Amino acid sequence: KLSPDGLNKVFICDSGSVSVEVAMKMAFQYAL
């Protein structure tokens, strides 16, 4: 509800660096 429109799925993680690692993995797995 708080985030910009269209961001509807949430992966909860432990820290900021891990959040970015998760984002990078999402991008690469999406491409694969």
Full PDB file with SEQRES, HELIX, SHEET, SSBOND, CRYST1, ORIGX, SCALE, CONECT and MASTER records, all heavy atoms in Angstrom:
SEQRES   1 A   32  LYS LEU SER PRO ASP GLY LEU ASN LYS VAL PHE ILE CYS          
SEQRES   2 A   32  ASP SER GLY SER VAL SER VAL GLU VAL ALA MET LYS MET          
SEQRES   3 A   32  ALA PHE GLN TYR ALA LEU                                      
HELIX    1 AA1 GLY A   16  ALA A   31  1                                  16    
CRYST1    1.000    1.000    1.000  90.00  90.00  90.00 P 1           1          
ORIGX1      1.000000  0.000000  0.000000        0.00000                         
ORIGX2      0.000000  1.000000  0.000000        0.00000                         
ORIGX3      0.000000  0.000000  1.000000        0.00000                         
SCALE1      1.000000  0.000000  0.000000        0.00000                         
SCALE2      0.000000  1.000000  0.000000        0.00000                         
SCALE3      0.000000  0.000000  1.000000        0.00000                         
ATOM      1  N   LYS A   1       0.815  -1.215   0.000  1.00  0.00           N  
ATOM      2  CA  LYS A   1       0.000   0.000   0.000  1.00  0.00           C  
ATOM      3  C   LYS A   1       0.854   1.272   0.000  1.00  0.00           C  
ATOM      4  O   LYS A   1       0.497   2.273  -0.633  1.00  0.00           O  
ATOM      5  CB  LYS A   1      -0.932   0.003   1.211  1.00  0.00           C  
ATOM      6  CG  LYS A   1      -2.078  -0.992   1.124  1.00  0.00           C  
ATOM      7  CD  LYS A   1      -2.970  -0.921   2.359  1.00  0.00           C  
ATOM      8  CE  LYS A   1      -4.163  -1.860   2.228  1.00  0.00           C  
ATOM      9  NZ  LYS A   1      -5.031  -1.838   3.445  1.00  0.00           N  
ATOM     10  N   LEU A   2       2.001   1.235   0.710  1.00  0.00           N  
ATOM     11  CA  LEU A   2       2.839   2.423   0.837  1.00  0.00           C  
ATOM     12  C   LEU A   2       3.713   2.670  -0.381  1.00  0.00           C  
ATOM     13  O   LEU A   2       4.007   3.814  -0.720  1.00  0.00           O  
ATOM     14  CB  LEU A   2       3.748   2.284   2.060  1.00  0.00           C  
ATOM     15  CG  LEU A   2       3.185   2.659   3.423  1.00  0.00           C  
ATOM     16  CD1 LEU A   2       4.217   2.363   4.503  1.00  0.00           C  
ATOM     17  CD2 LEU A   2       2.797   4.128   3.469  1.00  0.00           C  
ATOM     18  N   SER A   3       4.148   1.613  -1.040  1.00  0.00           N  
ATOM     19  CA  SER A   3       5.140   1.719  -2.109  1.00  0.00           C  
ATOM     20  C   SER A   3       4.499   2.188  -3.414  1.00  0.00           C  
ATOM     21  O   SER A   3       3.274   2.190  -3.557  1.00  0.00           O  
ATOM     22  CB  SER A   3       5.822   0.365  -2.312  1.00  0.00           C  
ATOM     23  OG  SER A   3       4.886  -0.610  -2.725  1.00  0.00           O  
ATOM     24  N   PRO A   4       5.318   2.595  -4.382  1.00  0.00           N  
ATOM     25  CA  PRO A   4       4.783   3.007  -5.681  1.00  0.00           C  
ATOM     26  C   PRO A   4       3.886   1.935  -6.298  1.00  0.00           C  
ATOM     27  O   PRO A   4       4.120   0.730  -6.126  1.00  0.00           O  
ATOM     28  CB  PRO A   4       6.052   3.219  -6.518  1.00  0.00           C  
ATOM     29  CG  PRO A   4       7.086   3.617  -5.512  1.00  0.00           C  
ATOM     30  CD  PRO A   4       6.781   2.813  -4.288  1.00  0.00           C  
ATOM     31  N   ASP A   5       2.857   2.367  -7.013  1.00  0.00           N  
ATOM     32  CA  ASP A   5       1.861   1.464  -7.592  1.00  0.00           C  
ATOM     33  C   ASP A   5       2.515   0.386  -8.459  1.00  0.00           C  
ATOM     34  O   ASP A   5       3.420   0.674  -9.250  1.00  0.00           O  
ATOM     35  CB  ASP A   5       0.861   2.244  -8.446  1.00  0.00           C  
ATOM     36  CG  ASP A   5      -0.049   3.118  -7.592  1.00  0.00           C  
ATOM     37  OD1 ASP A   5      -0.126   2.867  -6.376  1.00  0.00           O  
ATOM     38  OD2 ASP A   5      -0.661   4.047  -8.148  1.00  0.00           O  
ATOM     39  N   GLY A   6       2.029  -0.839  -8.295  1.00  0.00           N  
ATOM     40  CA  GLY A   6       2.490  -1.940  -9.142  1.00  0.00           C  
ATOM     41  C   GLY A   6       3.425  -2.897  -8.458  1.00  0.00           C  
ATOM     42  O   GLY A   6       3.663  -4.004  -8.959  1.00  0.00           O  
ATOM     43  N   LEU A   7       3.977  -2.494  -7.304  1.00  0.00           N  
ATOM     44  CA  LEU A   7       4.858  -3.387  -6.557  1.00  0.00           C  
ATOM     45  C   LEU A   7       3.990  -4.209  -5.603  1.00  0.00           C  
ATOM     46  O   LEU A   7       3.668  -3.793  -4.497  1.00  0.00           O  
ATOM     47  CB  LEU A   7       5.909  -2.572  -5.789  1.00  0.00           C  
ATOM     48  CG  LEU A   7       6.894  -1.815  -6.676  1.00  0.00           C  
ATOM     49  CD1 LEU A   7       7.634  -0.747  -5.889  1.00  0.00           C  
ATOM     50  CD2 LEU A   7       7.890  -2.780  -7.329  1.00  0.00           C  
ATOM     51  N   ASN A   8       3.607  -5.383  -6.044  1.00  0.00           N  
ATOM     52  CA  ASN A   8       2.584  -6.171  -5.351  1.00  0.00           C  
ATOM     53  C   ASN A   8       3.095  -7.406  -4.627  1.00  0.00           C  
ATOM     54  O   ASN A   8       2.353  -8.048  -3.889  1.00  0.00           O  
ATOM     55  CB  ASN A   8       1.518  -6.614  -6.358  1.00  0.00           C  
ATOM     56  CG  ASN A   8       0.789  -5.442  -6.971  1.00  0.00           C  
ATOM     57  OD1 ASN A   8       0.456  -4.487  -6.275  1.00  0.00           O  
ATOM     58  ND2 ASN A   8       0.566  -5.497  -8.278  1.00  0.00           N  
ATOM     59  N   LYS A   9       4.355  -7.765  -4.843  1.00  0.00           N  
ATOM     60  CA  LYS A   9       4.917  -8.965  -4.228  1.00  0.00           C  
ATOM     61  C   LYS A   9       6.089  -8.561  -3.334  1.00  0.00           C  
ATOM     62  O   LYS A   9       6.919  -7.737  -3.716  1.00  0.00           O  
ATOM     63  CB  LYS A   9       5.386  -9.958  -5.294  1.00  0.00           C  
ATOM     64  CG  LYS A   9       4.273 -10.396  -6.260  1.00  0.00           C  
ATOM     65  CD  LYS A   9       3.182 -11.185  -5.538  1.00  0.00           C  
ATOM     66  CE  LYS A   9       2.138 -11.742  -6.504  1.00  0.00           C  
ATOM     67  NZ  LYS A   9       1.222 -10.705  -7.028  1.00  0.00           N  
ATOM     68  N   VAL A  10       6.165  -9.195  -2.129  1.00  0.00           N  
ATOM     69  CA  VAL A  10       7.153  -8.797  -1.133  1.00  0.00           C  
ATOM     70  C   VAL A  10       7.940 -10.010  -0.656  1.00  0.00           C  
ATOM     71  O   VAL A  10       7.358 -11.004  -0.225  1.00  0.00           O  
ATOM     72  CB  VAL A  10       6.478  -8.124   0.085  1.00  0.00           C  
ATOM     73  CG1 VAL A  10       7.535  -7.610   1.059  1.00  0.00           C  
ATOM     74  CG2 VAL A  10       5.559  -6.990  -0.358  1.00  0.00           C  
ATOM     75  N   PHE A  11       9.255  -9.922  -0.731  1.00  0.00           N  
ATOM     76  CA  PHE A  11      10.145 -10.945  -0.175  1.00  0.00           C  
ATOM     77  C   PHE A  11      10.838 -10.322   1.032  1.00  0.00           C  
ATOM     78  O   PHE A  11      11.620  -9.372   0.894  1.00  0.00           O  
ATOM     79  CB  PHE A  11      11.175 -11.395  -1.219  1.00  0.00           C  
ATOM     80  CG  PHE A  11      11.941 -12.629  -0.829  1.00  0.00           C  
ATOM     81  CD1 PHE A  11      11.503 -13.884  -1.218  1.00  0.00           C  
ATOM     82  CD2 PHE A  11      13.094 -12.544  -0.063  1.00  0.00           C  
ATOM     83  CE1 PHE A  11      12.200 -15.039  -0.862  1.00  0.00           C  
ATOM     84  CE2 PHE A  11      13.796 -13.686   0.308  1.00  0.00           C  
ATOM     85  CZ  PHE A  11      13.345 -14.933  -0.100  1.00  0.00           C  
ATOM     86  N   ILE A  12      10.548 -10.840   2.227  1.00  0.00           N  
ATOM     87  CA  ILE A  12      11.102 -10.267   3.455  1.00  0.00           C  
ATOM     88  C   ILE A  12      12.465 -10.895   3.728  1.00  0.00           C  
ATOM     89  O   ILE A  12      12.640 -12.103   3.619  1.00  0.00           O  
ATOM     90  CB  ILE A  12      10.158 -10.529   4.646  1.00  0.00           C  
ATOM     91  CG1 ILE A  12       8.738 -10.069   4.313  1.00  0.00           C  
ATOM     92  CG2 ILE A  12      10.665  -9.801   5.892  1.00  0.00           C  
ATOM     93  CD1 ILE A  12       7.712 -10.444   5.365  1.00  0.00           C  
ATOM     94  N   CYS A  13      13.437 -10.058   4.084  1.00  0.00           N  
ATOM     95  CA  CYS A  13      14.784 -10.572   4.355  1.00  0.00           C  
ATOM     96  C   CYS A  13      15.394  -9.873   5.571  1.00  0.00           C  
ATOM     97  O   CYS A  13      14.700  -9.144   6.281  1.00  0.00           O  
ATOM     98  CB  CYS A  13      15.672 -10.473   3.122  1.00  0.00           C  
ATOM     99  SG  CYS A  13      15.479  -8.979   2.160  1.00  0.00           S  
ATOM    100  N   ASP A  14      16.679 -10.100   5.782  1.00  0.00           N  
ATOM    101  CA  ASP A  14      17.273  -9.787   7.083  1.00  0.00           C  
ATOM    102  C   ASP A  14      17.931  -8.410   7.179  1.00  0.00           C  
ATOM    103  O   ASP A  14      17.989  -7.833   8.254  1.00  0.00           O  
ATOM    104  CB  ASP A  14      18.336 -10.838   7.435  1.00  0.00           C  
ATOM    105  CG  ASP A  14      17.781 -12.243   7.427  1.00  0.00           C  
ATOM    106  OD1 ASP A  14      16.559 -12.402   7.516  1.00  0.00           O  
ATOM    107  OD2 ASP A  14      18.581 -13.196   7.326  1.00  0.00           O  
ATOM    108  N   SER A  15      18.474  -7.908   6.088  1.00  0.00           N  
ATOM    109  CA  SER A  15      19.236  -6.659   6.162  1.00  0.00           C  
ATOM    110  C   SER A  15      19.237  -5.984   4.799  1.00  0.00           C  
ATOM    111  O   SER A  15      18.836  -6.581   3.791  1.00  0.00           O  
ATOM    112  CB  SER A  15      20.680  -6.932   6.594  1.00  0.00           C  
ATOM    113  OG  SER A  15      21.374  -7.627   5.570  1.00  0.00           O  
ATOM    114  N   GLY A  16      19.712  -4.754   4.771  1.00  0.00           N  
ATOM    115  CA  GLY A  16      19.729  -4.000   3.524  1.00  0.00           C  
ATOM    116  C   GLY A  16      20.561  -4.657   2.439  1.00  0.00           C  
ATOM    117  O   GLY A  16      20.130  -4.776   1.288  1.00  0.00           O  
ATOM    118  N   SER A  17      21.771  -5.092   2.778  1.00  0.00           N  
ATOM    119  CA  SER A  17      22.624  -5.742   1.779  1.00  0.00           C  
ATOM    120  C   SER A  17      21.965  -6.993   1.228  1.00  0.00           C  
ATOM    121  O   SER A  17      22.032  -7.269   0.021  1.00  0.00           O  
ATOM    122  CB  SER A  17      23.983  -6.099   2.396  1.00  0.00           C  
ATOM    123  OG  SER A  17      24.746  -4.942   2.654  1.00  0.00           O  
ATOM    124  N   VAL A  18      21.320  -7.764   2.107  1.00  0.00           N  
ATOM    125  CA  VAL A  18      20.636  -8.974   1.640  1.00  0.00           C  
ATOM    126  C   VAL A  18      19.466  -8.602   0.733  1.00  0.00           C  
ATOM    127  O   VAL A  18      19.198  -9.278  -0.268  1.00  0.00           O  
ATOM    128  CB  VAL A  18      20.156  -9.823   2.836  1.00  0.00           C  
ATOM    129  CG1 VAL A  18      19.342 -11.014   2.352  1.00  0.00           C  
ATOM    130  CG2 VAL A  18      21.341 -10.300   3.665  1.00  0.00           C  
ATOM    131  N   SER A  19      18.772  -7.527   1.052  1.00  0.00           N  
ATOM    132  CA  SER A  19      17.678  -7.074   0.199  1.00  0.00           C  
ATOM    133  C   SER A  19      18.167  -6.788  -1.215  1.00  0.00           C  
ATOM    134  O   SER A  19      17.511  -7.147  -2.205  1.00  0.00           O  
ATOM    135  CB  SER A  19      17.039  -5.814   0.791  1.00  0.00           C  
ATOM    136  OG  SER A  19      16.100  -5.247  -0.092  1.00  0.00           O  
ATOM    137  N   VAL A  20      19.326  -6.151  -1.325  1.00  0.00           N  
ATOM    138  CA  VAL A  20      19.888  -5.862  -2.657  1.00  0.00           C  
ATOM    139  C   VAL A  20      20.342  -7.152  -3.336  1.00  0.00           C  
ATOM    140  O   VAL A  20      20.154  -7.338  -4.539  1.00  0.00           O  
ATOM    141  CB  VAL A  20      21.037  -4.845  -2.551  1.00  0.00           C  
ATOM    142  CG1 VAL A  20      21.647  -4.596  -3.931  1.00  0.00           C  
ATOM    143  CG2 VAL A  20      20.539  -3.522  -1.964  1.00  0.00           C  
ATOM    144  N   GLU A  21      20.938  -8.052  -2.562  1.00  0.00           N  
ATOM    145  CA  GLU A  21      21.329  -9.348  -3.139  1.00  0.00           C  
ATOM    146  C   GLU A  21      20.106 -10.078  -3.684  1.00  0.00           C  
ATOM    147  O   GLU A  21      20.147 -10.673  -4.765  1.00  0.00           O  
ATOM    148  CB  GLU A  21      22.021 -10.206  -2.075  1.00  0.00           C  
ATOM    149  CG  GLU A  21      23.337  -9.644  -1.589  1.00  0.00           C  
ATOM    150  CD  GLU A  21      24.526 -10.522  -1.920  1.00  0.00           C  
ATOM    151  OE1 GLU A  21      24.327 -11.566  -2.560  1.00  0.00           O  
ATOM    152  OE2 GLU A  21      25.643 -10.142  -1.564  1.00  0.00           O  
ATOM    153  N   VAL A  22      19.011 -10.035  -2.933  1.00  0.00           N  
ATOM    154  CA  VAL A  22      17.772 -10.668  -3.383  1.00  0.00           C  
ATOM    155  C   VAL A  22      17.282 -10.015  -4.672  1.00  0.00           C  
ATOM    156  O   VAL A  22      16.855 -10.698  -5.614  1.00  0.00           O  
ATOM    157  CB  VAL A  22      16.692 -10.588  -2.279  1.00  0.00           C  
ATOM    158  CG1 VAL A  22      15.316 -10.945  -2.829  1.00  0.00           C  
ATOM    159  CG2 VAL A  22      17.053 -11.516  -1.121  1.00  0.00           C  
ATOM    160  N   ALA A  23      17.348  -8.700  -4.741  1.00  0.00           N  
ATOM    161  CA  ALA A  23      16.924  -7.983  -5.946  1.00  0.00           C  
ATOM    162  C   ALA A  23      17.761  -8.388  -7.153  1.00  0.00           C  
ATOM    163  O   ALA A  23      17.230  -8.602  -8.258  1.00  0.00           O  
ATOM    164  CB  ALA A  23      17.019  -6.476  -5.717  1.00  0.00           C  
ATOM    165  N   MET A  24      19.069  -8.493  -6.949  1.00  0.00           N  
ATOM    166  CA  MET A  24      19.942  -8.900  -8.041  1.00  0.00           C  
ATOM    167  C   MET A  24      19.617 -10.320  -8.493  1.00  0.00           C  
ATOM    168  O   MET A  24      19.553 -10.610  -9.690  1.00  0.00           O  
ATOM    169  CB  MET A  24      21.400  -8.792  -7.582  1.00  0.00           C  
ATOM    170  CG  MET A  24      21.837  -7.363  -7.277  1.00  0.00           C  
ATOM    171  SD  MET A  24      23.376  -7.258  -6.351  1.00  0.00           S  
ATOM    172  CE  MET A  24      24.538  -7.811  -7.577  1.00  0.00           C  
ATOM    173  N   LYS A  25      19.390 -11.207  -7.528  1.00  0.00           N  
ATOM    174  CA  LYS A  25      19.059 -12.585  -7.883  1.00  0.00           C  
ATOM    175  C   LYS A  25      17.725 -12.637  -8.614  1.00  0.00           C  
ATOM    176  O   LYS A  25      17.552 -13.423  -9.558  1.00  0.00           O  
ATOM    177  CB  LYS A  25      19.026 -13.460  -6.624  1.00  0.00           C  
ATOM    178  CG  LYS A  25      18.840 -14.938  -6.935  1.00  0.00           C  
ATOM    179  CD  LYS A  25      18.741 -15.794  -5.682  1.00  0.00           C  
ATOM    180  CE  LYS A  25      20.074 -16.100  -5.095  1.00  0.00           C  
ATOM    181  NZ  LYS A  25      19.978 -17.117  -4.000  1.00  0.00           N  
ATOM    182  N   MET A  26      16.751 -11.829  -8.176  1.00  0.00           N  
ATOM    183  CA  MET A  26      15.473 -11.755  -8.892  1.00  0.00           C  
ATOM    184  C   MET A  26      15.691 -11.367 -10.355  1.00  0.00           C  
ATOM    185  O   MET A  26      15.125 -11.985 -11.264  1.00  0.00           O  
ATOM    186  CB  MET A  26      14.552 -10.718  -8.237  1.00  0.00           C  
ATOM    187  CG  MET A  26      13.849 -11.171  -6.990  1.00  0.00           C  
ATOM    188  SD  MET A  26      12.733  -9.856  -6.389  1.00  0.00           S  
ATOM    189  CE  MET A  26      11.993 -10.693  -4.974  1.00  0.00           C  
ATOM    190  N   ALA A  27      16.507 -10.338 -10.577  1.00  0.00           N  
ATOM    191  CA  ALA A  27      16.737  -9.860 -11.946  1.00  0.00           C  
ATOM    192  C   ALA A  27      17.391 -10.938 -12.803  1.00  0.00           C  
ATOM    193  O   ALA A  27      16.993 -11.170 -13.956  1.00  0.00           O  
ATOM    194  CB  ALA A  27      17.597  -8.595 -11.919  1.00  0.00           C  
ATOM    195  N   PHE A  28      18.388 -11.624 -12.243  1.00  0.00           N  
ATOM    196  CA  PHE A  28      19.078 -12.653 -13.007  1.00  0.00           C  
ATOM    197  C   PHE A  28      18.199 -13.887 -13.227  1.00  0.00           C  
ATOM    198  O   PHE A  28      18.191 -14.478 -14.311  1.00  0.00           O  
ATOM    199  CB  PHE A  28      20.385 -13.050 -12.310  1.00  0.00           C  
ATOM    200  CG  PHE A  28      21.437 -11.980 -12.351  1.00  0.00           C  
ATOM    201  CD1 PHE A  28      22.124 -11.619 -11.209  1.00  0.00           C  
ATOM    202  CD2 PHE A  28      21.737 -11.328 -13.535  1.00  0.00           C  
ATOM    203  CE1 PHE A  28      23.101 -10.633 -11.243  1.00  0.00           C  
ATOM    204  CE2 PHE A  28      22.713 -10.337 -13.597  1.00  0.00           C  
ATOM    205  CZ  PHE A  28      23.396  -9.983 -12.438  1.00  0.00           C  
ATOM    206  N   GLN A  29      17.434 -14.278 -12.217  1.00  0.00           N  
ATOM    207  CA  GLN A  29      16.570 -15.448 -12.397  1.00  0.00           C  
ATOM    208  C   GLN A  29      15.431 -15.122 -13.360  1.00  0.00           C  
ATOM    209  O   GLN A  29      14.982 -15.996 -14.116  1.00  0.00           O  
ATOM    210  CB  GLN A  29      16.010 -15.940 -11.053  1.00  0.00           C  
ATOM    211  CG  GLN A  29      15.364 -17.322 -11.195  1.00  0.00           C  
ATOM    212  CD  GLN A  29      14.925 -17.926  -9.878  1.00  0.00           C  
ATOM    213  OE1 GLN A  29      15.383 -17.536  -8.801  1.00  0.00           O  
ATOM    214  NE2 GLN A  29      14.017 -18.888  -9.943  1.00  0.00           N  
ATOM    215  N   TYR A  30      14.975 -13.877 -13.340  1.00  0.00           N  
ATOM    216  CA  TYR A  30      13.957 -13.467 -14.309  1.00  0.00           C  
ATOM    217  C   TYR A  30      14.496 -13.618 -15.738  1.00  0.00           C  
ATOM    218  O   TYR A  30      13.816 -14.166 -16.624  1.00  0.00           O  
ATOM    219  CB  TYR A  30      13.535 -12.025 -14.055  1.00  0.00           C  
ATOM    220  CG  TYR A  30      12.554 -11.479 -15.074  1.00  0.00           C  
ATOM    221  CD1 TYR A  30      11.191 -11.723 -14.940  1.00  0.00           C  
ATOM    222  CD2 TYR A  30      12.992 -10.734 -16.167  1.00  0.00           C  
ATOM    223  CE1 TYR A  30      10.282 -11.235 -15.872  1.00  0.00           C  
ATOM    224  CE2 TYR A  30      12.092 -10.237 -17.099  1.00  0.00           C  
ATOM    225  CZ  TYR A  30      10.744 -10.495 -16.950  1.00  0.00           C  
ATOM    226  OH  TYR A  30       9.844 -10.010 -17.880  1.00  0.00           O  
ATOM    227  N   ALA A  31      15.725 -13.136 -15.951  1.00  0.00           N  
ATOM    228  CA  ALA A  31      16.324 -13.257 -17.283  1.00  0.00           C  
ATOM    229  C   ALA A  31      16.469 -14.720 -17.689  1.00  0.00           C  
ATOM    230  O   ALA A  31      16.150 -15.099 -18.827  1.00  0.00           O  
ATOM    231  CB  ALA A  31      17.682 -12.551 -17.302  1.00  0.00           C  
ATOM    232  N   LEU A  32      16.935 -15.553 -16.766  1.00  0.00           N  
ATOM    233  CA  LEU A  32      17.087 -16.982 -17.060  1.00  0.00           C  
ATOM    234  C   LEU A  32      15.740 -17.618 -17.395  1.00  0.00           C  
ATOM    235  O   LEU A  32      15.632 -18.422 -18.332  1.00  0.00           O  
ATOM    236  CB  LEU A  32      17.719 -17.689 -15.866  1.00  0.00           C  
ATOM    237  CG  LEU A  32      19.199 -17.401 -15.589  1.00  0.00           C  
ATOM    238  CD1 LEU A  32      19.604 -17.976 -14.236  1.00  0.00           C  
ATOM    239  CD2 LEU A  32      20.079 -17.972 -16.698  1.00  0.00           C  
TER     240      LEU A  32                                                      
MASTER        0    0    0    1    0    0    0    6  239    1    0    3          
END                                                                             
